[in-house]
Protein backbone atom coordinates (compact mmCIF):
# COMPACT_ATOMS: atom_id res chain seq x y z
CA MET A 1 8.06 -29.13 -64.41
CA GLN A 2 8.03 -25.66 -62.97
CA ARG A 3 5.43 -26.76 -60.45
CA THR A 4 7.49 -29.77 -59.45
CA GLY A 5 10.63 -27.66 -59.17
CA GLY A 6 8.80 -25.09 -57.05
CA TYR A 7 7.57 -27.84 -54.75
CA ALA A 8 11.07 -29.23 -54.42
CA MET A 9 12.49 -25.81 -53.63
CA ALA A 10 9.80 -25.20 -51.03
CA ARG A 11 10.43 -28.57 -49.47
CA LEU A 12 14.18 -27.88 -49.30
CA ALA A 13 13.51 -24.52 -47.71
CA TRP A 14 11.22 -26.16 -45.15
CA LEU A 15 13.86 -28.79 -44.34
CA ALA A 16 16.51 -26.10 -43.95
CA ALA A 17 14.27 -24.18 -41.59
CA LEU A 18 13.60 -27.36 -39.62
CA MET A 19 17.33 -28.04 -39.33
CA VAL A 20 17.92 -24.50 -38.05
CA LEU A 21 15.09 -24.96 -35.54
CA CYS A 22 16.44 -28.35 -34.40
CA GLY A 23 19.89 -26.88 -34.09
CA SER A 24 18.47 -24.06 -31.97
CA VAL A 25 16.68 -26.53 -29.71
CA ALA A 26 19.80 -28.66 -29.42
CA ALA A 27 21.81 -25.61 -28.46
CA GLN A 28 19.31 -24.75 -25.76
CA GLU A 29 18.88 -28.27 -24.48
CA PRO A 30 22.08 -30.27 -24.95
CA ALA A 31 21.85 -34.01 -24.42
CA ILE A 32 22.67 -34.57 -20.74
CA ASP A 33 22.48 -37.59 -18.47
CA LEU A 34 21.57 -36.42 -14.98
CA PHE A 35 20.52 -39.09 -12.52
CA LEU A 36 20.42 -39.98 -8.83
CA THR A 37 22.94 -42.40 -7.37
CA ASP A 38 22.87 -44.38 -4.15
CA PRO A 39 24.67 -42.15 -1.59
CA MET A 40 25.65 -45.24 0.41
CA GLY A 41 27.10 -46.96 -2.66
CA PRO A 42 30.46 -46.52 -4.40
CA GLN A 43 31.19 -42.95 -5.47
CA GLU A 44 33.75 -43.62 -8.19
CA VAL A 45 33.00 -42.72 -11.80
CA GLY A 46 31.90 -45.89 -13.55
CA GLN A 47 31.19 -47.69 -10.27
CA GLU A 48 28.38 -45.49 -8.96
CA LYS A 49 25.04 -47.22 -8.51
CA PRO A 50 21.94 -45.51 -9.94
CA LEU A 51 19.18 -45.21 -7.38
CA GLY A 52 16.37 -47.37 -8.69
CA ASP A 53 16.04 -49.36 -11.89
CA ARG A 54 16.24 -46.36 -14.20
CA GLN A 55 17.94 -42.99 -14.41
CA ASN A 56 15.87 -41.20 -11.81
CA ARG A 57 15.70 -37.39 -11.73
CA ASP A 58 13.40 -37.06 -8.71
CA VAL A 59 15.06 -36.65 -5.30
CA SER A 60 12.75 -37.92 -2.58
CA LEU A 61 13.86 -37.19 1.00
CA PHE A 62 12.31 -37.27 4.45
CA ALA A 63 13.80 -35.82 7.61
CA ALA A 64 12.94 -34.41 11.01
CA PRO A 65 13.43 -30.72 11.90
CA GLY A 66 17.10 -30.00 12.49
CA GLU A 67 18.25 -33.08 10.57
CA PHE A 68 20.79 -33.11 7.73
CA GLU A 69 19.78 -35.43 4.88
CA PRO A 70 22.02 -36.32 1.91
CA PHE A 71 21.50 -37.36 -1.67
CA SER A 72 23.92 -37.92 -4.55
CA PHE A 73 23.80 -37.67 -8.32
CA ALA A 74 25.83 -37.97 -11.51
CA LEU A 75 26.13 -35.50 -14.39
CA GLN A 76 27.29 -36.50 -17.88
CA PRO A 77 26.83 -34.16 -20.86
CA LYS A 78 26.90 -35.77 -24.30
CA GLU A 79 28.21 -32.51 -25.75
CA ARG A 80 30.80 -30.08 -24.43
CA LEU A 81 29.24 -28.04 -21.63
CA LEU A 82 30.70 -24.64 -20.79
CA ASP A 83 30.61 -22.54 -17.63
CA VAL A 84 28.90 -25.25 -15.58
CA MET A 85 27.43 -24.48 -12.17
CA ILE A 86 24.92 -26.36 -10.02
CA THR A 87 22.57 -24.56 -7.65
CA ALA A 88 19.39 -25.20 -5.70
CA SER A 89 16.11 -23.35 -5.61
CA ASP A 90 14.13 -22.57 -2.49
CA LEU A 91 11.91 -25.41 -1.29
CA THR A 92 8.31 -24.30 -0.92
CA GLY A 93 5.45 -26.01 0.86
CA GLN A 94 2.41 -25.47 3.05
CA GLY A 95 4.72 -24.91 6.00
CA GLY A 96 6.48 -22.04 4.25
CA ILE A 97 9.86 -21.84 2.56
CA ILE A 98 13.11 -23.67 3.22
CA PRO A 99 15.69 -21.31 1.70
CA LYS A 100 18.13 -22.54 -0.91
CA SER A 101 20.95 -21.69 1.49
CA LYS A 102 19.94 -24.86 3.38
CA VAL A 103 20.83 -27.02 0.35
CA ARG A 104 24.56 -27.65 -0.08
CA ILE A 105 25.97 -29.14 -3.29
CA GLN A 106 29.50 -30.55 -3.26
CA SER A 107 31.76 -32.28 -5.77
CA ILE A 108 32.91 -35.82 -4.93
CA GLU A 109 36.59 -36.16 -5.81
CA GLY A 110 40.11 -36.92 -4.60
CA GLY A 111 40.40 -38.33 -1.11
CA PHE A 112 41.90 -41.66 -0.14
CA GLY A 113 40.48 -44.83 -1.65
CA ASP A 114 36.72 -45.00 -1.19
CA ASN A 115 36.75 -42.11 1.28
CA LYS A 116 36.38 -39.26 -1.18
CA THR A 117 36.63 -35.58 -0.34
CA LEU A 118 33.55 -33.36 -0.69
CA LEU A 119 34.42 -29.95 -2.13
CA ASP A 120 32.12 -26.95 -2.28
CA LEU A 121 31.49 -25.65 -5.78
CA GLY A 122 33.42 -22.44 -6.35
CA ARG A 123 33.82 -21.01 -9.82
CA SER A 124 32.09 -22.45 -12.87
CA TRP A 125 33.94 -25.04 -14.92
CA ASP A 126 33.85 -26.65 -18.36
CA MET A 127 32.96 -30.30 -18.97
CA PRO A 128 34.14 -32.19 -22.09
CA ALA A 129 31.58 -34.22 -23.97
CA TRP A 130 30.90 -37.58 -22.34
CA SER A 131 32.82 -36.75 -19.15
CA ARG A 132 31.01 -37.72 -15.95
CA GLU A 133 31.21 -36.10 -12.54
CA LEU A 134 29.65 -37.08 -9.21
CA PHE A 135 28.03 -34.79 -6.67
CA TRP A 136 26.82 -34.88 -3.07
CA GLY A 137 23.87 -32.85 -1.84
CA THR A 138 22.82 -32.16 1.75
CA VAL A 139 19.57 -30.58 2.89
CA HIS A 140 19.59 -29.09 6.37
CA VAL A 141 16.03 -28.95 7.64
CA PRO A 142 15.53 -25.79 9.73
CA ASP A 143 14.63 -26.38 13.38
CA ASN A 144 11.41 -24.41 12.91
CA ALA A 145 10.27 -26.14 9.70
CA GLY A 146 6.64 -27.25 9.92
CA PRO A 147 5.66 -30.79 8.93
CA GLY A 148 4.63 -31.49 5.36
CA TYR A 149 6.02 -31.59 1.84
CA TYR A 150 8.42 -29.03 0.38
CA ARG A 151 9.40 -28.96 -3.28
CA GLY A 152 12.15 -27.36 -5.29
CA GLN A 153 14.82 -28.12 -7.88
CA ILE A 154 18.51 -28.76 -8.33
CA LEU A 155 19.55 -26.69 -11.35
CA VAL A 156 22.40 -27.40 -13.76
CA HIS A 157 23.53 -24.17 -15.44
CA SER A 158 25.63 -23.60 -18.54
CA GLY A 159 26.38 -19.94 -18.38
CA GLU A 160 23.08 -18.10 -18.00
CA LYS A 161 20.95 -21.05 -19.11
CA VAL A 162 19.47 -23.88 -17.05
CA VAL A 163 20.16 -27.00 -19.10
CA ALA A 164 18.99 -29.78 -16.76
CA THR A 165 17.16 -30.17 -13.46
CA LEU A 166 16.48 -32.62 -10.68
CA GLY A 167 13.18 -32.41 -8.85
CA LEU A 168 13.62 -32.24 -5.07
CA THR A 169 10.83 -33.24 -2.69
CA LEU A 170 11.41 -33.15 1.06
CA GLU A 171 8.93 -34.45 3.61
CA VAL A 172 9.46 -32.82 7.00
CA LEU A 173 8.34 -35.31 9.61
CA PRO A 174 6.01 -34.37 12.49
CA PHE A 175 8.47 -35.17 15.29
CA ARG A 176 11.89 -34.15 16.55
CA LEU A 177 14.82 -36.43 17.16
CA GLU A 178 16.81 -36.39 20.38
CA GLU A 179 20.42 -37.12 21.13
CA PRO A 180 20.97 -40.88 21.52
CA PRO A 181 21.77 -42.07 25.07
CA PHE A 182 25.29 -43.12 24.10
CA MET A 183 28.75 -41.56 23.93
CA ILE A 184 29.53 -41.34 20.20
CA GLY A 185 32.44 -39.40 18.75
CA TRP A 186 35.86 -39.12 17.16
CA HIS A 187 39.44 -38.98 18.33
CA TYR A 188 40.60 -35.41 17.97
CA ALA A 189 43.80 -33.36 17.68
CA TRP A 190 44.34 -29.75 18.69
CA PRO A 191 43.48 -27.79 15.49
CA GLY A 192 45.90 -24.93 15.96
CA SER A 193 43.71 -22.06 17.15
CA VAL A 194 40.77 -21.26 19.39
CA GLU A 195 38.73 -20.26 16.33
CA ALA A 196 39.36 -23.63 14.68
CA LEU A 197 38.57 -25.39 17.96
CA ARG A 198 35.17 -23.70 18.11
CA ALA A 199 34.41 -24.39 14.47
CA THR A 200 35.35 -28.07 14.67
CA LEU A 201 33.46 -28.74 17.90
CA LEU A 202 30.33 -27.22 16.38
CA ASP A 203 30.91 -29.27 13.23
CA MET A 204 31.19 -32.52 15.16
CA ARG A 205 28.05 -31.60 17.06
CA GLU A 206 26.20 -31.01 13.78
CA HIS A 207 27.43 -34.41 12.63
CA GLY A 208 25.76 -36.15 15.54
CA ALA A 209 28.70 -36.58 17.92
CA THR A 210 27.69 -36.70 21.58
CA ASN A 211 31.24 -36.53 22.91
CA VAL A 212 34.81 -36.04 21.66
CA GLY A 213 38.11 -37.85 22.29
CA PRO A 214 40.96 -35.30 22.53
CA LEU A 215 44.18 -37.22 21.92
CA TYR A 216 47.05 -35.41 20.16
CA GLY A 217 48.49 -31.93 20.52
CA PHE A 218 47.26 -31.33 24.07
CA HIS A 219 49.82 -30.15 26.63
CA LEU A 220 50.43 -32.55 29.50
CA PRO A 221 51.69 -30.95 32.75
CA ILE A 222 54.79 -33.11 33.19
CA ASN A 223 57.34 -30.41 33.97
CA ASP A 224 54.91 -27.61 34.88
CA ASP A 225 51.37 -27.02 36.12
CA ASP A 226 49.99 -25.62 32.86
CA THR A 227 46.52 -27.02 32.16
CA GLN A 228 45.07 -23.94 30.44
CA GLN A 229 44.69 -25.62 27.05
CA ILE A 230 42.65 -28.46 28.50
CA ALA A 231 40.55 -26.02 30.51
CA LEU A 232 39.87 -24.07 27.31
CA PHE A 233 38.85 -27.26 25.52
CA ILE A 234 36.39 -28.09 28.30
CA ASP A 235 34.84 -24.62 28.14
CA GLU A 236 34.41 -24.71 24.35
CA TYR A 237 33.17 -28.31 24.47
CA ARG A 238 30.36 -27.24 26.76
CA LYS A 239 29.57 -24.12 24.71
CA ALA A 240 29.22 -26.27 21.58
CA GLY A 241 26.38 -28.14 23.27
CA PHE A 242 28.17 -31.27 24.51
CA SER A 243 27.16 -32.60 27.92
CA LYS A 244 28.31 -36.23 27.96
CA PRO A 245 31.70 -37.22 29.45
CA ILE A 246 34.78 -36.38 27.41
CA MET A 247 36.72 -39.42 26.23
CA PHE A 248 40.04 -37.91 27.36
CA ALA A 249 42.58 -39.92 25.37
CA ALA A 250 45.62 -37.64 25.80
CA PRO A 251 46.84 -39.47 28.97
CA MET A 252 47.72 -42.54 26.90
CA ASN A 253 50.63 -40.48 25.56
CA LEU A 254 52.23 -40.60 29.02
CA VAL A 255 53.04 -44.31 28.73
CA VAL A 256 53.42 -44.35 24.94
CA SER A 257 56.04 -41.61 24.78
CA GLU A 258 56.13 -38.79 27.33
CA LEU A 259 57.31 -40.72 30.40
CA LYS A 260 59.52 -43.25 28.63
CA GLY A 261 62.60 -41.85 30.39
CA TYR A 262 61.20 -42.39 33.88
CA GLY A 263 61.95 -46.09 34.07
CA PRO A 264 59.81 -49.23 34.11
CA ILE A 265 56.23 -49.17 35.29
CA ASP A 266 57.23 -50.90 38.53
CA SER A 267 59.72 -48.17 39.45
CA LYS A 268 58.95 -45.61 42.13
CA ARG A 269 60.26 -42.81 39.89
CA PHE A 270 57.81 -43.62 37.11
CA GLN A 271 54.85 -44.13 39.39
CA GLN A 272 55.39 -40.90 41.31
CA LYS A 273 55.56 -38.81 38.14
CA TYR A 274 52.68 -40.65 36.48
CA LEU A 275 50.35 -40.22 39.45
CA GLN A 276 51.37 -36.58 39.83
CA VAL A 277 50.48 -35.73 36.20
CA MET A 278 47.24 -37.69 36.27
CA ARG A 279 46.09 -35.86 39.41
CA LYS A 280 46.89 -32.48 37.87
CA LEU A 281 44.79 -33.38 34.84
CA HIS A 282 41.94 -34.70 36.93
CA ALA A 283 41.89 -31.49 38.98
CA VAL A 284 41.04 -29.48 35.86
CA PHE A 285 37.99 -31.60 35.10
CA GLU A 286 36.93 -31.47 38.74
CA ALA A 287 37.24 -27.68 38.82
CA LYS A 288 35.19 -27.41 35.62
CA GLN A 289 32.67 -30.01 36.86
CA MET A 290 33.04 -31.86 33.58
CA PRO A 291 32.92 -35.66 33.72
CA ALA A 292 35.65 -37.46 31.77
CA ILE A 293 36.87 -40.93 31.00
CA PHE A 294 40.69 -41.04 31.11
CA SER A 295 42.12 -43.42 28.49
CA VAL A 296 45.49 -44.54 29.87
CA GLY A 297 46.86 -47.05 27.34
CA ASP A 298 47.15 -47.70 23.62
CA GLU A 299 46.97 -51.22 22.13
CA PHE A 300 49.51 -53.09 24.26
CA THR A 301 48.67 -56.27 22.33
CA ASN A 302 51.00 -54.92 19.64
CA LEU A 303 53.90 -55.67 22.01
CA GLY A 304 52.96 -59.32 22.47
CA LEU A 305 52.70 -60.97 25.89
CA PRO A 306 55.12 -58.46 27.50
CA GLY A 307 52.65 -55.77 26.47
CA VAL A 308 49.81 -57.69 28.12
CA GLU A 309 51.81 -57.88 31.33
CA TYR A 310 52.53 -54.15 31.20
CA ALA A 311 48.86 -53.42 30.56
CA GLY A 312 47.79 -55.35 33.64
CA LYS A 313 50.27 -53.49 35.84
CA LEU A 314 49.13 -50.09 34.52
CA ALA A 315 45.45 -50.87 35.08
CA ARG A 316 46.13 -52.08 38.63
CA LEU A 317 48.20 -48.96 39.38
CA CYS A 318 45.30 -46.70 38.34
CA PHE A 319 42.82 -48.84 40.24
CA GLU A 320 44.78 -48.76 43.47
CA GLU A 321 46.20 -45.23 43.40
CA LEU A 322 43.67 -43.23 41.37
CA PRO A 323 40.24 -44.48 42.45
CA GLU A 324 38.81 -40.98 42.01
CA ILE A 325 39.47 -41.08 38.22
CA CYS A 326 37.18 -42.85 35.74
CA VAL A 327 39.63 -44.93 33.69
CA THR A 328 39.67 -46.90 30.45
CA SER A 329 42.31 -48.04 27.94
CA ASP A 330 42.37 -48.40 24.15
CA MET A 331 42.77 -52.18 23.77
CA ASN A 332 43.09 -54.49 20.78
CA GLY A 333 43.48 -58.05 22.01
CA TYR A 334 41.66 -60.63 24.15
CA GLN A 335 44.34 -61.18 26.79
CA GLU A 336 45.01 -57.44 27.08
CA VAL A 337 41.34 -56.74 27.75
CA MET A 338 41.02 -59.52 30.30
CA ALA A 339 44.19 -58.36 32.09
CA MET A 340 42.96 -54.76 32.35
CA ALA A 341 39.16 -54.90 32.48
CA PRO A 342 38.83 -55.96 36.17
CA PHE A 343 40.60 -52.71 37.12
CA LEU A 344 38.89 -50.35 34.64
CA ASN A 345 35.60 -48.47 34.69
CA TYR A 346 35.19 -48.85 30.91
CA ALA A 347 36.76 -51.51 28.70
CA THR A 348 37.40 -49.83 25.34
CA PHE A 349 38.36 -52.21 22.54
CA ASN A 350 38.22 -52.91 18.82
CA ASN A 351 37.70 -56.30 17.23
CA GLY A 352 41.21 -57.34 18.27
CA TRP A 353 43.96 -59.37 16.65
CA ASP A 354 46.18 -62.29 17.59
CA GLY A 355 49.22 -60.19 18.48
CA ILE A 356 52.70 -60.39 16.98
CA ASP A 357 53.31 -63.64 18.89
CA ASN A 358 49.87 -65.12 18.13
CA HIS A 359 48.94 -65.24 21.81
CA ASN A 360 45.22 -64.55 21.26
CA ARG A 361 44.77 -67.52 18.91
CA GLY A 362 41.95 -66.19 16.75
CA ARG A 363 39.82 -64.67 19.49
CA ARG A 364 37.85 -61.64 18.33
CA LEU A 365 36.13 -59.14 20.59
CA VAL A 366 33.21 -57.32 18.98
CA ASN A 367 30.69 -60.09 19.36
CA GLU A 368 27.96 -61.20 21.72
CA ALA A 369 29.99 -63.91 23.45
CA PHE A 370 32.90 -61.66 24.34
CA LEU A 371 30.67 -58.78 25.41
CA ARG A 372 29.01 -61.10 27.91
CA GLU A 373 32.43 -62.20 29.11
CA VAL A 374 33.87 -58.71 29.53
CA THR A 375 30.83 -57.36 31.37
CA SER A 376 31.33 -60.13 33.93
CA THR A 377 34.53 -58.33 34.98
CA GLY A 378 32.52 -55.27 36.03
CA ALA A 379 33.84 -53.02 33.27
CA ILE A 380 31.40 -51.29 30.91
CA PRO A 381 32.15 -52.14 27.24
CA TYR A 382 32.98 -49.27 24.86
CA PHE A 383 33.96 -49.58 21.18
CA VAL A 384 36.98 -47.99 19.53
CA ASN A 385 37.75 -48.23 15.81
CA THR A 386 34.95 -50.65 14.99
CA GLY A 387 34.17 -49.15 11.60
CA ARG A 388 33.29 -45.84 9.98
CA GLY A 389 30.20 -45.17 7.96
CA ARG A 390 26.50 -45.67 8.34
CA PHE A 391 26.04 -49.28 9.43
CA PRO A 392 28.81 -49.33 12.09
CA PHE A 393 27.61 -46.08 13.68
CA GLY A 394 23.93 -46.92 13.35
CA PHE A 395 22.11 -50.22 13.26
CA PHE A 396 25.12 -52.37 14.15
CA PHE A 397 26.01 -50.26 17.18
CA TRP A 398 22.37 -50.31 18.27
CA ARG A 399 22.33 -54.10 18.00
CA MET A 400 25.45 -54.43 20.17
CA SER A 401 24.21 -51.91 22.73
CA ARG A 402 21.88 -54.66 23.91
CA TYR A 403 24.94 -56.21 25.55
CA GLY A 404 25.81 -53.07 27.48
CA VAL A 405 28.03 -51.16 25.02
CA ALA A 406 27.99 -47.55 26.21
CA GLY A 407 29.81 -45.72 23.45
CA LYS A 408 31.99 -45.63 20.37
CA VAL A 409 35.04 -43.51 19.53
CA GLU A 410 36.50 -43.70 16.05
CA TRP A 411 39.82 -42.80 14.44
CA PHE A 412 40.17 -39.87 13.49
CA TYR A 413 38.60 -36.44 13.03
CA ASN A 414 41.69 -34.40 12.13
CA LEU A 415 45.02 -36.20 12.33
CA GLU A 416 47.99 -33.89 12.85
CA GLY A 417 45.58 -31.06 13.64
CA LYS A 418 44.76 -30.13 10.05
CA GLY A 419 43.55 -33.51 8.83
CA GLY A 420 43.37 -34.10 5.10
CA ASN A 421 45.26 -37.39 5.28
CA ALA A 422 44.34 -41.04 4.97
CA GLY A 423 43.05 -41.43 8.52
CA SER A 424 41.10 -38.18 8.77
CA MET A 425 37.42 -37.40 8.38
CA VAL A 426 38.01 -33.77 7.45
CA ARG A 427 40.59 -31.33 6.13
CA LEU A 428 40.94 -27.98 7.85
CA GLU A 429 41.85 -24.74 6.12
CA GLY A 430 41.71 -22.28 8.99
CA THR A 431 38.12 -22.48 10.16
CA ARG A 432 36.92 -23.95 6.86
CA ILE A 433 36.06 -27.63 7.23
CA ILE A 434 36.17 -29.92 4.19
CA PRO A 435 34.40 -33.23 4.92
CA THR A 436 34.67 -36.72 3.47
CA LEU A 437 32.19 -39.39 2.46
CA ASP A 438 32.91 -41.53 5.53
CA TYR A 439 32.22 -38.57 7.78
CA GLU A 440 28.88 -37.76 6.15
CA ARG A 441 27.83 -41.40 6.09
CA SER A 442 28.73 -41.77 9.76
CA ARG A 443 26.32 -38.94 10.54
CA GLU A 444 23.64 -40.93 8.74
CA GLY A 445 24.41 -43.86 11.02
CA ILE A 446 24.05 -41.72 14.12
CA ASP A 447 20.73 -40.47 12.75
CA ASP A 448 19.60 -44.09 12.29
CA LEU A 449 20.46 -44.56 15.96
CA ARG A 450 18.41 -41.50 16.88
CA TYR A 451 15.37 -42.81 14.97
CA VAL A 452 15.56 -46.22 16.65
CA CYS A 453 16.05 -44.74 20.12
CA HIS A 454 13.11 -42.38 19.59
CA LEU A 455 10.86 -45.28 18.65
CA GLU A 456 12.08 -47.31 21.64
CA LYS A 457 11.27 -44.38 23.92
CA LEU A 458 7.71 -44.20 22.57
CA ILE A 459 7.26 -47.96 22.99
CA THR A 460 8.43 -47.69 26.60
CA GLN A 461 6.02 -44.80 27.19
CA ALA A 462 3.13 -46.78 25.72
CA ARG A 463 3.92 -49.86 27.80
CA LYS A 464 4.34 -47.81 30.97
CA THR A 465 0.96 -46.10 30.56
CA ASN A 466 -0.74 -49.13 29.02
CA GLU A 467 -1.77 -47.07 26.01
CA ALA A 468 -1.67 -47.60 22.22
CA ALA A 469 -0.94 -51.28 22.80
CA SER A 470 -1.44 -52.50 19.24
CA GLN A 471 0.76 -49.79 17.72
CA ALA A 472 3.45 -50.39 20.35
CA ASP A 473 3.38 -54.12 19.70
CA ARG A 474 3.76 -53.66 15.95
CA ALA A 475 6.64 -51.25 16.46
CA ALA A 476 8.36 -53.56 18.93
CA ASP A 477 7.97 -56.50 16.55
CA PHE A 478 9.55 -54.48 13.75
CA LEU A 479 12.56 -53.50 15.89
CA LYS A 480 12.90 -57.10 17.01
CA ALA A 481 12.99 -58.21 13.37
CA ILE A 482 15.70 -55.64 12.62
CA GLY A 483 17.77 -56.82 15.57
CA GLU A 484 17.44 -60.48 14.66
CA SER A 485 18.54 -59.77 11.09
CA ILE A 486 21.89 -58.33 12.27
CA ILE A 487 24.62 -60.84 13.15
CA PRO A 488 26.01 -59.78 16.56
CA ASP A 489 29.60 -60.28 15.44
CA TRP A 490 31.58 -57.59 13.61
CA THR A 491 33.86 -60.20 11.99
CA ALA A 492 30.90 -61.35 9.87
CA TYR A 493 30.86 -57.92 8.20
CA SER A 494 34.52 -56.89 8.37
CA GLN A 495 36.05 -60.20 7.23
CA GLY A 496 33.18 -62.55 6.47
CA GLY A 497 31.72 -60.85 3.40
CA MET A 498 28.29 -60.38 4.96
CA ARG A 499 26.22 -57.31 4.05
CA TRP A 500 23.35 -55.64 5.84
CA PRO A 501 20.67 -55.28 4.84
CA SER A 502 21.01 -58.25 2.56
CA ASP A 503 19.32 -58.31 -0.84
CA GLY A 504 15.81 -59.70 -0.67
CA MET A 505 15.51 -59.32 3.09
CA GLU A 506 11.86 -59.45 4.17
CA LEU A 507 12.13 -56.08 5.91
CA LEU A 508 12.86 -54.35 2.61
CA ASP A 509 10.01 -52.87 0.59
CA PRO A 510 11.19 -53.04 -3.08
CA ALA A 511 9.29 -49.86 -4.00
CA LYS A 512 10.88 -47.90 -1.16
CA VAL A 513 14.31 -49.35 -1.92
CA ALA A 514 14.01 -48.12 -5.52
CA SER A 515 13.32 -44.53 -4.48
CA LEU A 516 15.13 -44.28 -1.14
CA GLY A 517 17.84 -46.95 -1.00
CA SER A 518 17.86 -49.98 1.29
CA LEU A 519 18.91 -48.31 4.55
CA ASN A 520 16.55 -45.38 4.09
CA SER A 521 13.71 -47.75 3.32
CA ILE A 522 14.20 -49.30 6.77
CA ARG A 523 14.49 -45.85 8.37
CA ARG A 524 11.25 -44.86 6.59
CA GLN A 525 9.43 -47.76 8.22
CA ILE A 526 10.81 -46.73 11.62
CA ALA A 527 9.58 -43.19 10.98
CA ASP A 528 6.14 -44.52 10.04
CA HIS A 529 5.97 -46.50 13.30
CA ILE A 530 6.98 -43.37 15.22
CA ILE A 531 4.20 -41.35 13.57
CA SER A 532 1.60 -44.07 14.11
CA LEU A 533 2.51 -44.60 17.75
CA GLN A 534 2.80 -40.88 18.41
CA GLN A 535 -0.67 -40.27 16.97
CA ALA A 536 -2.19 -43.15 18.95
CA LEU A 537 -0.69 -41.88 22.20
CA SER A 538 -1.92 -38.37 21.45
CA GLN A 539 -5.46 -39.60 20.74
CA THR A 540 -5.49 -41.61 23.96
CA ASN A 541 -4.37 -38.57 25.94
CA ASN A 542 -7.05 -36.41 24.33
CA GLN A 543 -9.76 -38.96 25.14
CA SER A 544 -8.65 -39.24 28.76
CA GLN A 545 -8.84 -35.45 29.16
CA GLN A 546 -12.40 -35.21 27.83
């Protein structure tokens, strides 16, 4: 009996010790769900889409030097988690170290509808058990990063302890991307100070913009000769690295509001003042030797057929009296475009609508048939407000550029100067810029465009020199397949329920989709074609020099 009792006491003591040990382990490693989500999918708690078929904790990225590459993830502790903070480690590889300062972690929250705001992590915070929060990460690859693999971690802290991690692997690609040969940017409002102007221009440049569309808050020399603000904008635009023509949208305010008291468009009084102001503005750009496209009108289709008539008169006035100025207009209806386009250098339009009086009868504009029709007028097509995000800025724009589309300007970088409202891509707090999901995803689209254009350039080089024929043919066939898979009609995607890339599309590699997402799996294949063709061209050059 004593022996049995001693055994029982020992067993109880052992169990108690085990419970203490388990409790200690649990305290050190609380149960936490930490998993990657699809950065191009919904970013609403409960609607987020895990990347892959399981809860993946391994971030796998690839990018060229200078590129910004995003990822997203969800965090859900099963127990209360105190003093939470998320940081990154340095990324180390054969090419050296990418410092942790190049990895930015932001919280996805607030915003307007699906366009959430991305907030930098400030102080630590507490998370209740079972609460879930979503996060956005961005890796900025240094310009001097050597090719190869770099590895690090995303660290979830609770106080002084690391309680969960994501593995982060970045492949730096062995080529550099160039600016796409298109005018891509955002409508823009004066931000309130020179310092904010500089910060925002640099920010747009880092987000892939190749030009900017200044629209609101810019002084127009109606009752004076003051053009200093516009001259300053031009100087800072150039300093930020922009070289393509400015989409100068501020002149549309002359007919929308500023010259309303000068009579009808046919009147001598209106025309004299209008031409005087336009020439003053043009003189600034001439003096600065900065090319610009003057946008003179704003969606006259909204006024019905009288608006179409007005639009035609305005376009003809500019054509006849201001031939030295490159002119466009922001248009949103078939008859408006066809009334103005013969007298414009660029025809800038969205997908259009019927008008308040139904005069356009279902005609839509962002499609192959209309692009062929509008180019027959002599005007160069240019998109405005044809969708934010990755697909509209990237593969869809590239598909439509085959029909002569020269650029895209989207609404709006910073409405009312400070942004932070439903139409804005950012919120400004002095020189601090707080981005949104749409803004970051649009950069991804521009990067898709850069990848495709880089591959097209290599194909052209190979064909011109008659080198690397087989690699060039395979790359060209792949781009052709991408193009043929995209319906050249924006209505299919904006109103027709179509998605690209569609599930099960032959171009998609299921393994790559699981780890990269569908759009990145296509970009990965483009990158592989670039590397293959680049290597073949290099080998051919080396052989010819021997």
